[in-house]
Amino acid sequence: IRLLYFNKTRKDIILEDKLDQLASEESRFYVEHILSEP
């Protein structure tokens, strides 16, 4: 399961910590945050 999550800035990322934690705990889940105005 691969989630590509697009936002303008880091502060716009909803639930960043929870998504990253889930990715570290669940080997089938991968998340990548992609920012247009980082």
Full PDB file with SEQRES, HELIX, SHEET, SSBOND, CRYST1, ORIGX, SCALE, CONECT and MASTER records, all heavy atoms in Angstrom:
SEQRES   1 A   38  ILE ARG LEU LEU TYR PHE ASN LYS THR ARG LYS ASP ILE          
SEQRES   2 A   38  ILE LEU GLU ASP LYS LEU ASP GLN LEU ALA SER GLU GLU          
SEQRES   3 A   38  SER ARG PHE TYR VAL GLU HIS ILE LEU SER GLU PRO              
HELIX    1 AA1 ARG A   10  ASP A   12  5                                   3    
HELIX    2 AA2 GLU A   16  GLU A   25  1                                  10    
SHEET    1 AA1 2 ARG A   2  ASN A   7  0                                        
SHEET    2 AA1 2 TYR A  30  LEU A  35  1                                        
CRYST1    1.000    1.000    1.000  90.00  90.00  90.00 P 1           1          
ORIGX1      1.000000  0.000000  0.000000        0.00000                         
ORIGX2      0.000000  1.000000  0.000000        0.00000                         
ORIGX3      0.000000  0.000000  1.000000        0.00000                         
SCALE1      1.000000  0.000000  0.000000        0.00000                         
SCALE2      0.000000  1.000000  0.000000        0.00000                         
SCALE3      0.000000  0.000000  1.000000        0.00000                         
ATOM      1  N   ILE A   1       0.874  -1.165   0.000  1.00  0.00           N  
ATOM      2  CA  ILE A   1       0.000   0.000   0.000  1.00  0.00           C  
ATOM      3  C   ILE A   1       0.915   1.220   0.000  1.00  0.00           C  
ATOM      4  O   ILE A   1       1.676   1.433   0.954  1.00  0.00           O  
ATOM      5  CB  ILE A   1      -0.901   0.038   1.254  1.00  0.00           C  
ATOM      6  CG1 ILE A   1      -1.671  -1.264   1.397  1.00  0.00           C  
ATOM      7  CG2 ILE A   1      -1.827   1.250   1.210  1.00  0.00           C  
ATOM      8  CD1 ILE A   1      -2.145  -1.550   2.802  1.00  0.00           C  
ATOM      9  N   ARG A   2       0.859   2.006  -1.064  1.00  0.00           N  
ATOM     10  CA  ARG A   2       1.749   3.157  -1.182  1.00  0.00           C  
ATOM     11  C   ARG A   2       0.919   4.429  -1.303  1.00  0.00           C  
ATOM     12  O   ARG A   2       0.148   4.583  -2.246  1.00  0.00           O  
ATOM     13  CB  ARG A   2       2.670   3.007  -2.381  1.00  0.00           C  
ATOM     14  CG  ARG A   2       3.669   4.130  -2.461  1.00  0.00           C  
ATOM     15  CD  ARG A   2       4.803   3.799  -3.369  1.00  0.00           C  
ATOM     16  NE  ARG A   2       5.796   4.868  -3.316  1.00  0.00           N  
ATOM     17  CZ  ARG A   2       6.903   4.862  -4.000  1.00  0.00           C  
ATOM     18  NH1 ARG A   2       7.194   3.851  -4.783  1.00  0.00           N  
ATOM     19  NH2 ARG A   2       7.746   5.866  -3.911  1.00  0.00           N  
ATOM     20  N   LEU A   3       1.078   5.326  -0.340  1.00  0.00           N  
ATOM     21  CA  LEU A   3       0.375   6.606  -0.317  1.00  0.00           C  
ATOM     22  C   LEU A   3       1.333   7.713  -0.723  1.00  0.00           C  
ATOM     23  O   LEU A   3       2.383   7.885  -0.101  1.00  0.00           O  
ATOM     24  CB  LEU A   3      -0.169   6.875   1.091  1.00  0.00           C  
ATOM     25  CG  LEU A   3      -0.709   8.273   1.373  1.00  0.00           C  
ATOM     26  CD1 LEU A   3      -1.917   8.592   0.496  1.00  0.00           C  
ATOM     27  CD2 LEU A   3      -1.070   8.413   2.852  1.00  0.00           C  
ATOM     28  N   LEU A   4       0.973   8.458  -1.759  1.00  0.00           N  
ATOM     29  CA  LEU A   4       1.697   9.661  -2.145  1.00  0.00           C  
ATOM     30  C   LEU A   4       0.789  10.824  -1.792  1.00  0.00           C  
ATOM     31  O   LEU A   4      -0.311  10.953  -2.334  1.00  0.00           O  
ATOM     32  CB  LEU A   4       2.032   9.650  -3.642  1.00  0.00           C  
ATOM     33  CG  LEU A   4       3.150   8.668  -3.947  1.00  0.00           C  
ATOM     34  CD1 LEU A   4       2.588   7.327  -4.319  1.00  0.00           C  
ATOM     35  CD2 LEU A   4       4.060   9.212  -4.991  1.00  0.00           C  
ATOM     36  N   TYR A   5       1.253  11.637  -0.847  1.00  0.00           N  
ATOM     37  CA  TYR A   5       0.417  12.681  -0.263  1.00  0.00           C  
ATOM     38  C   TYR A   5       1.001  14.044  -0.630  1.00  0.00           C  
ATOM     39  O   TYR A   5       2.082  14.410  -0.186  1.00  0.00           O  
ATOM     40  CB  TYR A   5       0.352  12.465   1.250  1.00  0.00           C  
ATOM     41  CG  TYR A   5      -0.606  13.344   1.994  1.00  0.00           C  
ATOM     42  CD1 TYR A   5      -1.655  13.997   1.360  1.00  0.00           C  
ATOM     43  CD2 TYR A   5      -0.468  13.524   3.357  1.00  0.00           C  
ATOM     44  CE1 TYR A   5      -2.531  14.796   2.065  1.00  0.00           C  
ATOM     45  CE2 TYR A   5      -1.340  14.312   4.075  1.00  0.00           C  
ATOM     46  CZ  TYR A   5      -2.373  14.954   3.417  1.00  0.00           C  
ATOM     47  OH  TYR A   5      -3.237  15.752   4.118  1.00  0.00           O  
ATOM     48  N   PHE A   6       0.277  14.792  -1.455  1.00  0.00           N  
ATOM     49  CA  PHE A   6       0.711  16.076  -1.992  1.00  0.00           C  
ATOM     50  C   PHE A   6       0.124  17.235  -1.186  1.00  0.00           C  
ATOM     51  O   PHE A   6      -1.080  17.258  -0.917  1.00  0.00           O  
ATOM     52  CB  PHE A   6       0.250  16.217  -3.450  1.00  0.00           C  
ATOM     53  CG  PHE A   6       0.868  15.217  -4.373  1.00  0.00           C  
ATOM     54  CD1 PHE A   6       0.361  13.927  -4.470  1.00  0.00           C  
ATOM     55  CD2 PHE A   6       1.958  15.560  -5.150  1.00  0.00           C  
ATOM     56  CE1 PHE A   6       0.934  12.994  -5.329  1.00  0.00           C  
ATOM     57  CE2 PHE A   6       2.539  14.635  -6.011  1.00  0.00           C  
ATOM     58  CZ  PHE A   6       2.019  13.353  -6.101  1.00  0.00           C  
ATOM     59  N   ASN A   7       0.989  18.179  -0.822  1.00  0.00           N  
ATOM     60  CA  ASN A   7       0.578  19.389  -0.117  1.00  0.00           C  
ATOM     61  C   ASN A   7       1.477  20.539  -0.549  1.00  0.00           C  
ATOM     62  O   ASN A   7       2.520  20.319  -1.170  1.00  0.00           O  
ATOM     63  CB  ASN A   7       0.686  19.192   1.400  1.00  0.00           C  
ATOM     64  CG  ASN A   7      -0.437  18.346   1.944  1.00  0.00           C  
ATOM     65  OD1 ASN A   7      -1.555  18.805   2.084  1.00  0.00           O  
ATOM     66  ND2 ASN A   7      -0.154  17.086   2.222  1.00  0.00           N  
ATOM     67  N   LYS A   8       1.085  21.755  -0.192  1.00  0.00           N  
ATOM     68  CA  LYS A   8       1.930  22.910  -0.513  1.00  0.00           C  
ATOM     69  C   LYS A   8       3.123  22.972   0.430  1.00  0.00           C  
ATOM     70  O   LYS A   8       4.267  23.010   0.002  1.00  0.00           O  
ATOM     71  CB  LYS A   8       1.126  24.206  -0.434  1.00  0.00           C  
ATOM     72  CG  LYS A   8       0.171  24.389  -1.577  1.00  0.00           C  
ATOM     73  CD  LYS A   8      -0.541  25.721  -1.495  1.00  0.00           C  
ATOM     74  CE  LYS A   8      -1.501  25.858  -2.659  1.00  0.00           C  
ATOM     75  NZ  LYS A   8      -2.221  27.124  -2.631  1.00  0.00           N  
ATOM     76  N   THR A   9       2.856  23.017   1.732  1.00  0.00           N  
ATOM     77  CA  THR A   9       3.919  23.156   2.726  1.00  0.00           C  
ATOM     78  C   THR A   9       3.791  22.046   3.766  1.00  0.00           C  
ATOM     79  O   THR A   9       2.763  21.367   3.845  1.00  0.00           O  
ATOM     80  CB  THR A   9       3.843  24.514   3.451  1.00  0.00           C  
ATOM     81  OG1 THR A   9       2.646  24.547   4.238  1.00  0.00           O  
ATOM     82  CG2 THR A   9       3.840  25.681   2.463  1.00  0.00           C  
ATOM     83  N   ARG A  10       4.800  21.911   4.574  1.00  0.00           N  
ATOM     84  CA  ARG A  10       4.784  20.876   5.607  1.00  0.00           C  
ATOM     85  C   ARG A  10       3.649  21.101   6.603  1.00  0.00           C  
ATOM     86  O   ARG A  10       3.031  20.141   7.074  1.00  0.00           O  
ATOM     87  CB  ARG A  10       6.126  20.834   6.329  1.00  0.00           C  
ATOM     88  CG  ARG A  10       6.227  19.645   7.247  1.00  0.00           C  
ATOM     89  CD  ARG A  10       7.616  19.419   7.718  1.00  0.00           C  
ATOM     90  NE  ARG A  10       7.719  18.057   8.203  1.00  0.00           N  
ATOM     91  CZ  ARG A  10       8.845  17.494   8.532  1.00  0.00           C  
ATOM     92  NH1 ARG A  10       9.972  18.155   8.411  1.00  0.00           N  
ATOM     93  NH2 ARG A  10       8.871  16.260   8.985  1.00  0.00           N  
ATOM     94  N   LYS A  11       3.347  22.348   6.907  1.00  0.00           N  
ATOM     95  CA  LYS A  11       2.270  22.603   7.877  1.00  0.00           C  
ATOM     96  C   LYS A  11       0.893  22.193   7.336  1.00  0.00           C  
ATOM     97  O   LYS A  11      -0.051  22.024   8.095  1.00  0.00           O  
ATOM     98  CB  LYS A  11       2.263  24.064   8.330  1.00  0.00           C  
ATOM     99  CG  LYS A  11       1.785  25.061   7.317  1.00  0.00           C  
ATOM    100  CD  LYS A  11       1.740  26.464   7.916  1.00  0.00           C  
ATOM    101  CE  LYS A  11       1.254  27.491   6.931  1.00  0.00           C  
ATOM    102  NZ  LYS A  11      -0.134  27.362   6.552  1.00  0.00           N  
ATOM    103  N   ASP A  12       0.800  21.985   6.027  1.00  0.00           N  
ATOM    104  CA  ASP A  12      -0.461  21.563   5.423  1.00  0.00           C  
ATOM    105  C   ASP A  12      -0.680  20.049   5.506  1.00  0.00           C  
ATOM    106  O   ASP A  12      -1.778  19.576   5.227  1.00  0.00           O  
ATOM    107  CB  ASP A  12      -0.502  21.980   3.940  1.00  0.00           C  
ATOM    108  CG  ASP A  12      -0.458  23.482   3.763  1.00  0.00           C  
ATOM    109  OD1 ASP A  12      -1.075  24.193   4.574  1.00  0.00           O  
ATOM    110  OD2 ASP A  12       0.197  23.945   2.809  1.00  0.00           O  
ATOM    111  N   ILE A  13       0.338  19.303   5.882  1.00  0.00           N  
ATOM    112  CA  ILE A  13       0.218  17.840   5.934  1.00  0.00           C  
ATOM    113  C   ILE A  13      -0.656  17.453   7.128  1.00  0.00           C  
ATOM    114  O   ILE A  13      -0.313  17.721   8.271  1.00  0.00           O  
ATOM    115  CB  ILE A  13       1.596  17.160   6.055  1.00  0.00           C  
ATOM    116  CG1 ILE A  13       2.477  17.526   4.863  1.00  0.00           C  
ATOM    117  CG2 ILE A  13       1.423  15.644   6.156  1.00  0.00           C  
ATOM    118  CD1 ILE A  13       3.911  17.040   4.989  1.00  0.00           C  
ATOM    119  N   ILE A  14      -1.766  16.832   6.841  1.00  0.00           N  
ATOM    120  CA  ILE A  14      -2.697  16.383   7.878  1.00  0.00           C  
ATOM    121  C   ILE A  14      -2.219  15.026   8.396  1.00  0.00           C  
ATOM    122  O   ILE A  14      -1.949  14.117   7.621  1.00  0.00           O  
ATOM    123  CB  ILE A  14      -4.130  16.279   7.316  1.00  0.00           C  
ATOM    124  CG1 ILE A  14      -4.604  17.659   6.834  1.00  0.00           C  
ATOM    125  CG2 ILE A  14      -5.081  15.690   8.346  1.00  0.00           C  
ATOM    126  CD1 ILE A  14      -5.887  17.617   6.027  1.00  0.00           C  
ATOM    127  N   LEU A  15      -2.086  14.895   9.715  1.00  0.00           N  
ATOM    128  CA  LEU A  15      -1.713  13.645  10.382  1.00  0.00           C  
ATOM    129  C   LEU A  15      -0.353  13.103   9.943  1.00  0.00           C  
ATOM    130  O   LEU A  15      -0.155  11.886   9.862  1.00  0.00           O  
ATOM    131  CB  LEU A  15      -2.798  12.579  10.181  1.00  0.00           C  
ATOM    132  CG  LEU A  15      -4.174  12.913  10.745  1.00  0.00           C  
ATOM    133  CD1 LEU A  15      -5.180  11.861  10.331  1.00  0.00           C  
ATOM    134  CD2 LEU A  15      -4.116  13.030  12.260  1.00  0.00           C  
ATOM    135  N   GLU A  16       0.598  13.985   9.675  1.00  0.00           N  
ATOM    136  CA  GLU A  16       1.925  13.552   9.232  1.00  0.00           C  
ATOM    137  C   GLU A  16       2.550  12.548  10.197  1.00  0.00           C  
ATOM    138  O   GLU A  16       3.037  11.493   9.783  1.00  0.00           O  
ATOM    139  CB  GLU A  16       2.856  14.758   9.064  1.00  0.00           C  
ATOM    140  CG  GLU A  16       4.255  14.372   8.645  1.00  0.00           C  
ATOM    141  CD  GLU A  16       5.201  15.554   8.529  1.00  0.00           C  
ATOM    142  OE1 GLU A  16       4.858  16.670   8.981  1.00  0.00           O  
ATOM    143  OE2 GLU A  16       6.301  15.353   7.986  1.00  0.00           O  
ATOM    144  N   ASP A  17       2.555  12.864  11.495  1.00  0.00           N  
ATOM    145  CA  ASP A  17       3.182  11.971  12.473  1.00  0.00           C  
ATOM    146  C   ASP A  17       2.512  10.597  12.504  1.00  0.00           C  
ATOM    147  O   ASP A  17       3.193   9.572  12.571  1.00  0.00           O  
ATOM    148  CB  ASP A  17       3.153  12.591  13.870  1.00  0.00           C  
ATOM    149  CG  ASP A  17       4.052  13.815  13.981  1.00  0.00           C  
ATOM    150  OD1 ASP A  17       4.963  13.971  13.141  1.00  0.00           O  
ATOM    151  OD2 ASP A  17       3.842  14.623  14.904  1.00  0.00           O  
ATOM    152  N   LYS A  18       1.185  10.580  12.464  1.00  0.00           N  
ATOM    153  CA  LYS A  18       0.473   9.298  12.513  1.00  0.00           C  
ATOM    154  C   LYS A  18       0.728   8.463  11.263  1.00  0.00           C  
ATOM    155  O   LYS A  18       0.913   7.260  11.343  1.00  0.00           O  
ATOM    156  CB  LYS A  18      -1.024   9.527  12.711  1.00  0.00           C  
ATOM    157  CG  LYS A  18      -1.365  10.024  14.098  1.00  0.00           C  
ATOM    158  CD  LYS A  18      -2.848  10.026  14.333  1.00  0.00           C  
ATOM    159  CE  LYS A  18      -3.188  10.606  15.670  1.00  0.00           C  
ATOM    160  NZ  LYS A  18      -3.051   9.723  16.780  1.00  0.00           N  
ATOM    161  N   LEU A  19       0.764   9.119  10.102  1.00  0.00           N  
ATOM    162  CA  LEU A  19       1.046   8.391   8.860  1.00  0.00           C  
ATOM    163  C   LEU A  19       2.468   7.832   8.869  1.00  0.00           C  
ATOM    164  O   LEU A  19       2.697   6.679   8.486  1.00  0.00           O  
ATOM    165  CB  LEU A  19       0.841   9.305   7.649  1.00  0.00           C  
ATOM    166  CG  LEU A  19      -0.608   9.692   7.353  1.00  0.00           C  
ATOM    167  CD1 LEU A  19      -0.660  10.822   6.334  1.00  0.00           C  
ATOM    168  CD2 LEU A  19      -1.403   8.484   6.872  1.00  0.00           C  
ATOM    169  N   ASP A  20       3.413   8.650   9.297  1.00  0.00           N  
ATOM    170  CA  ASP A  20       4.806   8.195   9.361  1.00  0.00           C  
ATOM    171  C   ASP A  20       4.973   7.065  10.370  1.00  0.00           C  
ATOM    172  O   ASP A  20       5.721   6.111  10.135  1.00  0.00           O  
ATOM    173  CB  ASP A  20       5.735   9.359   9.696  1.00  0.00           C  
ATOM    174  CG  ASP A  20       5.814  10.384   8.580  1.00  0.00           C  
ATOM    175  OD1 ASP A  20       5.401  10.082   7.433  1.00  0.00           O  
ATOM    176  OD2 ASP A  20       6.285  11.513   8.841  1.00  0.00           O  
ATOM    177  N   GLN A  21       4.277   7.166  11.493  1.00  0.00           N  
ATOM    178  CA  GLN A  21       4.351   6.107  12.501  1.00  0.00           C  
ATOM    179  C   GLN A  21       3.765   4.807  11.948  1.00  0.00           C  
ATOM    180  O   GLN A  21       4.342   3.730  12.128  1.00  0.00           O  
ATOM    181  CB  GLN A  21       3.609   6.518  13.764  1.00  0.00           C  
ATOM    182  CG  GLN A  21       3.641   5.455  14.848  1.00  0.00           C  
ATOM    183  CD  GLN A  21       2.910   5.875  16.106  1.00  0.00           C  
ATOM    184  OE1 GLN A  21       2.507   7.019  16.271  1.00  0.00           O  
ATOM    185  NE2 GLN A  21       2.727   4.934  17.007  1.00  0.00           N  
ATOM    186  N   LEU A  22       2.634   4.905  11.273  1.00  0.00           N  
ATOM    187  CA  LEU A  22       2.022   3.716  10.689  1.00  0.00           C  
ATOM    188  C   LEU A  22       2.970   3.067   9.682  1.00  0.00           C  
ATOM    189  O   LEU A  22       3.128   1.839   9.664  1.00  0.00           O  
ATOM    190  CB  LEU A  22       0.695   4.072  10.009  1.00  0.00           C  
ATOM    191  CG  LEU A  22      -0.057   2.920   9.370  1.00  0.00           C  
ATOM    192  CD1 LEU A  22      -0.419   1.849  10.399  1.00  0.00           C  
ATOM    193  CD2 LEU A  22      -1.305   3.436   8.665  1.00  0.00           C  
ATOM    194  N   ALA A  23       3.647   3.883   8.871  1.00  0.00           N  
ATOM    195  CA  ALA A  23       4.595   3.347   7.895  1.00  0.00           C  
ATOM    196  C   ALA A  23       5.769   2.648   8.583  1.00  0.00           C  
ATOM    197  O   ALA A  23       6.279   1.649   8.078  1.00  0.00           O  
ATOM    198  CB  ALA A  23       5.096   4.467   6.985  1.00  0.00           C  
ATOM    199  N   SER A  24       6.181   3.158   9.738  1.00  0.00           N  
ATOM    200  CA  SER A  24       7.297   2.515  10.450  1.00  0.00           C  
ATOM    201  C   SER A  24       6.869   1.228  11.141  1.00  0.00           C  
ATOM    202  O   SER A  24       7.684   0.338  11.362  1.00  0.00           O  
ATOM    203  CB  SER A  24       7.929   3.483  11.458  1.00  0.00           C  
ATOM    204  OG  SER A  24       7.067   3.704  12.548  1.00  0.00           O  
ATOM    205  N   GLU A  25       5.592   1.105  11.461  1.00  0.00           N  
ATOM    206  CA  GLU A  25       5.088  -0.073  12.167  1.00  0.00           C  
ATOM    207  C   GLU A  25       4.536  -1.154  11.233  1.00  0.00           C  
ATOM    208  O   GLU A  25       4.488  -2.316  11.606  1.00  0.00           O  
ATOM    209  CB  GLU A  25       3.979   0.338  13.138  1.00  0.00           C  
ATOM    210  CG  GLU A  25       4.465   1.216  14.269  1.00  0.00           C  
ATOM    211  CD  GLU A  25       3.332   1.784  15.102  1.00  0.00           C  
ATOM    212  OE1 GLU A  25       2.146   1.621  14.732  1.00  0.00           O  
ATOM    213  OE2 GLU A  25       3.640   2.412  16.125  1.00  0.00           O  
ATOM    214  N   GLU A  26       4.097  -0.761  10.060  1.00  0.00           N  
ATOM    215  CA  GLU A  26       3.437  -1.693   9.146  1.00  0.00           C  
ATOM    216  C   GLU A  26       4.254  -1.808   7.858  1.00  0.00           C  
ATOM    217  O   GLU A  26       4.324  -0.869   7.081  1.00  0.00           O  
ATOM    218  CB  GLU A  26       2.016  -1.199   8.841  1.00  0.00           C  
ATOM    219  CG  GLU A  26       1.249  -2.002   7.829  1.00  0.00           C  
ATOM    220  CD  GLU A  26       1.157  -3.478   8.144  1.00  0.00           C  
ATOM    221  OE1 GLU A  26       0.522  -3.855   9.149  1.00  0.00           O  
ATOM    222  OE2 GLU A  26       1.730  -4.267   7.359  1.00  0.00           O  
ATOM    223  N   SER A  27       4.873  -2.950   7.646  1.00  0.00           N  
ATOM    224  CA  SER A  27       5.795  -3.124   6.516  1.00  0.00           C  
ATOM    225  C   SER A  27       5.108  -3.044   5.148  1.00  0.00           C  
ATOM    226  O   SER A  27       5.759  -2.766   4.154  1.00  0.00           O  
ATOM    227  CB  SER A  27       6.530  -4.468   6.636  1.00  0.00           C  
ATOM    228  OG  SER A  27       5.608  -5.532   6.569  1.00  0.00           O  
ATOM    229  N   ARG A  28       3.810  -3.261   5.092  1.00  0.00           N  
ATOM    230  CA  ARG A  28       3.112  -3.190   3.801  1.00  0.00           C  
ATOM    231  C   ARG A  28       2.736  -1.764   3.413  1.00  0.00           C  
ATOM    232  O   ARG A  28       2.356  -1.519   2.273  1.00  0.00           O  
ATOM    233  CB  ARG A  28       1.844  -4.044   3.826  1.00  0.00           C  
ATOM    234  CG  ARG A  28       2.143  -5.518   4.008  1.00  0.00           C  
ATOM    235  CD  ARG A  28       0.866  -6.342   3.977  1.00  0.00           C  
ATOM    236  NE  ARG A  28      -0.051  -5.945   5.043  1.00  0.00           N  
ATOM    237  CZ  ARG A  28      -1.382  -6.016   4.945  1.00  0.00           C  
ATOM    238  NH1 ARG A  28      -1.955  -6.460   3.860  1.00  0.00           N  
ATOM    239  NH2 ARG A  28      -2.145  -5.647   5.957  1.00  0.00           N  
ATOM    240  N   PHE A  29       2.819  -0.834   4.356  1.00  0.00           N  
ATOM    241  CA  PHE A  29       2.382   0.545   4.112  1.00  0.00           C  
ATOM    242  C   PHE A  29       3.577   1.476   3.981  1.00  0.00           C  
ATOM    243  O   PHE A  29       4.491   1.458   4.800  1.00  0.00           O  
ATOM    244  CB  PHE A  29       1.481   1.023   5.256  1.00  0.00           C  
ATOM    245  CG  PHE A  29       1.026   2.443   5.116  1.00  0.00           C  
ATOM    246  CD1 PHE A  29       0.155   2.822   4.111  1.00  0.00           C  
ATOM    247  CD2 PHE A  29       1.473   3.416   5.998  1.00  0.00           C  
ATOM    248  CE1 PHE A  29      -0.260   4.138   3.979  1.00  0.00           C  
ATOM    249  CE2 PHE A  29       1.065   4.737   5.875  1.00  0.00           C  
ATOM    250  CZ  PHE A  29       0.194   5.097   4.870  1.00  0.00           C  
ATOM    251  N   TYR A  30       3.554   2.281   2.938  1.00  0.00           N  
ATOM    252  CA  TYR A  30       4.608   3.259   2.678  1.00  0.00           C  
ATOM    253  C   TYR A  30       3.937   4.599   2.387  1.00  0.00           C  
ATOM    254  O   TYR A  30       2.948   4.661   1.649  1.00  0.00           O  
ATOM    255  CB  TYR A  30       5.435   2.811   1.463  1.00  0.00           C  
ATOM    256  CG  TYR A  30       6.466   3.807   1.035  1.00  0.00           C  
ATOM    257  CD1 TYR A  30       7.701   3.883   1.668  1.00  0.00           C  
ATOM    258  CD2 TYR A  30       6.206   4.682  -0.012  1.00  0.00           C  
ATOM    259  CE1 TYR A  30       8.651   4.813   1.274  1.00  0.00           C  
ATOM    260  CE2 TYR A  30       7.150   5.608  -0.413  1.00  0.00           C  
ATOM    261  CZ  TYR A  30       8.371   5.673   0.231  1.00  0.00           C  
ATOM    262  OH  TYR A  30       9.305   6.590  -0.149  1.00  0.00           O  
ATOM    263  N   VAL A  31       4.446   5.675   2.971  1.00  0.00           N  
ATOM    264  CA  VAL A  31       3.914   7.011   2.703  1.00  0.00           C  
ATOM    265  C   VAL A  31       5.054   7.916   2.246  1.00  0.00           C  
ATOM    266  O   VAL A  31       6.169   7.841   2.777  1.00  0.00           O  
ATOM    267  CB  VAL A  31       3.198   7.618   3.938  1.00  0.00           C  
ATOM    268  CG1 VAL A  31       4.130   7.795   5.117  1.00  0.00           C  
ATOM    269  CG2 VAL A  31       2.523   8.937   3.588  1.00  0.00           C  
ATOM    270  N   GLU A  32       4.753   8.744   1.264  1.00  0.00           N  
ATOM    271  CA  GLU A  32       5.710   9.752   0.815  1.00  0.00           C  
ATOM    272  C   GLU A  32       4.982  11.087   0.742  1.00  0.00           C  
ATOM    273  O   GLU A  32       3.940  11.193   0.097  1.00  0.00           O  
ATOM    274  CB  GLU A  32       6.298   9.403  -0.549  1.00  0.00           C  
ATOM    275  CG  GLU A  32       7.335  10.405  -0.995  1.00  0.00           C  
ATOM    276  CD  GLU A  32       8.062  10.014  -2.270  1.00  0.00           C  
ATOM    277  OE1 GLU A  32       7.689   9.005  -2.899  1.00  0.00           O  
ATOM    278  OE2 GLU A  32       8.996  10.731  -2.634  1.00  0.00           O  
ATOM    279  N   HIS A  33       5.528  12.073   1.439  1.00  0.00           N  
ATOM    280  CA  HIS A  33       4.969  13.420   1.431  1.00  0.00           C  
ATOM    281  C   HIS A  33       5.679  14.206   0.339  1.00  0.00           C  
ATOM    282  O   HIS A  33       6.909  14.234   0.284  1.00  0.00           O  
ATOM    283  CB  HIS A  33       5.176  14.100   2.783  1.00  0.00           C  
ATOM    284  CG  HIS A  33       4.621  13.301   3.923  1.00  0.00           C  
ATOM    285  ND1 HIS A  33       3.267  13.175   4.158  1.00  0.00           N  
ATOM    286  CD2 HIS A  33       5.225  12.563   4.886  1.00  0.00           C  
ATOM    287  CE1 HIS A  33       3.075  12.417   5.220  1.00  0.00           C  
ATOM    288  NE2 HIS A  33       4.249  12.032   5.677  1.00  0.00           N  
ATOM    289  N   ILE A  34       4.900  14.854  -0.525  1.00  0.00           N  
ATOM    290  CA  ILE A  34       5.449  15.616  -1.639  1.00  0.00           C  
ATOM    291  C   ILE A  34       4.925  17.043  -1.531  1.00  0.00           C  
ATOM    292  O   ILE A  34       3.711  17.257  -1.496  1.00  0.00           O  
ATOM    293  CB  ILE A  34       5.056  14.981  -2.986  1.00  0.00           C  
ATOM    294  CG1 ILE A  34       5.536  13.525  -3.021  1.00  0.00           C  
ATOM    295  CG2 ILE A  34       5.617  15.791  -4.148  1.00  0.00           C  
ATOM    296  CD1 ILE A  34       5.005  12.725  -4.175  1.00  0.00           C  
ATOM    297  N   LEU A  35       5.852  17.997  -1.449  1.00  0.00           N  
ATOM    298  CA  LEU A  35       5.479  19.398  -1.235  1.00  0.00           C  
ATOM    299  C   LEU A  35       5.777  20.253  -2.464  1.00  0.00           C  
ATOM    300  O   LEU A  35       6.845  20.144  -3.056  1.00  0.00           O  
ATOM    301  CB  LEU A  35       6.216  19.969  -0.026  1.00  0.00           C  
ATOM    302  CG  LEU A  35       6.002  19.235   1.302  1.00  0.00           C  
ATOM    303  CD1 LEU A  35       6.786  19.917   2.414  1.00  0.00           C  
ATOM    304  CD2 LEU A  35       4.514  19.155   1.646  1.00  0.00           C  
ATOM    305  N   SER A  36       4.833  21.127  -2.798  1.00  0.00           N  
ATOM    306  CA  SER A  36       5.028  22.022  -3.939  1.00  0.00           C  
ATOM    307  C   SER A  36       5.685  23.338  -3.533  1.00  0.00           C  
ATOM    308  O   SER A  36       6.281  24.007  -4.369  1.00  0.00           O  
ATOM    309  CB  SER A  36       3.700  22.297  -4.643  1.00  0.00           C  
ATOM    310  OG  SER A  36       2.782  22.915  -3.764  1.00  0.00           O  
ATOM    311  N   GLU A  37       5.582  23.714  -2.262  1.00  0.00           N  
ATOM    312  CA  GLU A  37       6.191  24.949  -1.773  1.00  0.00           C  
ATOM    313  C   GLU A  37       6.925  24.681  -0.453  1.00  0.00           C  
ATOM    314  O   GLU A  37       6.592  25.264   0.586  1.00  0.00           O  
ATOM    315  CB  GLU A  37       5.119  26.028  -1.577  1.00  0.00           C  
ATOM    316  CG  GLU A  37       4.391  26.401  -2.857  1.00  0.00           C  
ATOM    317  CD  GLU A  37       3.237  27.378  -2.635  1.00  0.00           C  
ATOM    318  OE1 GLU A  37       3.130  27.971  -1.537  1.00  0.00           O  
ATOM    319  OE2 GLU A  37       2.438  27.530  -3.570  1.00  0.00           O  
ATOM    320  N   PRO A  38       7.921  23.794  -0.482  1.00  0.00           N  
ATOM    321  CA  PRO A  38       8.592  23.419   0.772  1.00  0.00           C  
ATOM    322  C   PRO A  38       9.563  24.491   1.253  1.00  0.00           C  
ATOM    323  O   PRO A  38      10.009  25.334   0.468  1.00  0.00           O  
ATOM    324  CB  PRO A  38       9.356  22.157   0.382  1.00  0.00           C  
ATOM    325  CG  PRO A  38       9.673  22.364  -1.062  1.00  0.00           C  
ATOM    326  CD  PRO A  38       8.480  23.095  -1.625  1.00  0.00           C  
TER     327      PRO A  38                                                      
MASTER        0    0    0    2    2    0    0    6  326    1    0    3          
END                                                                             
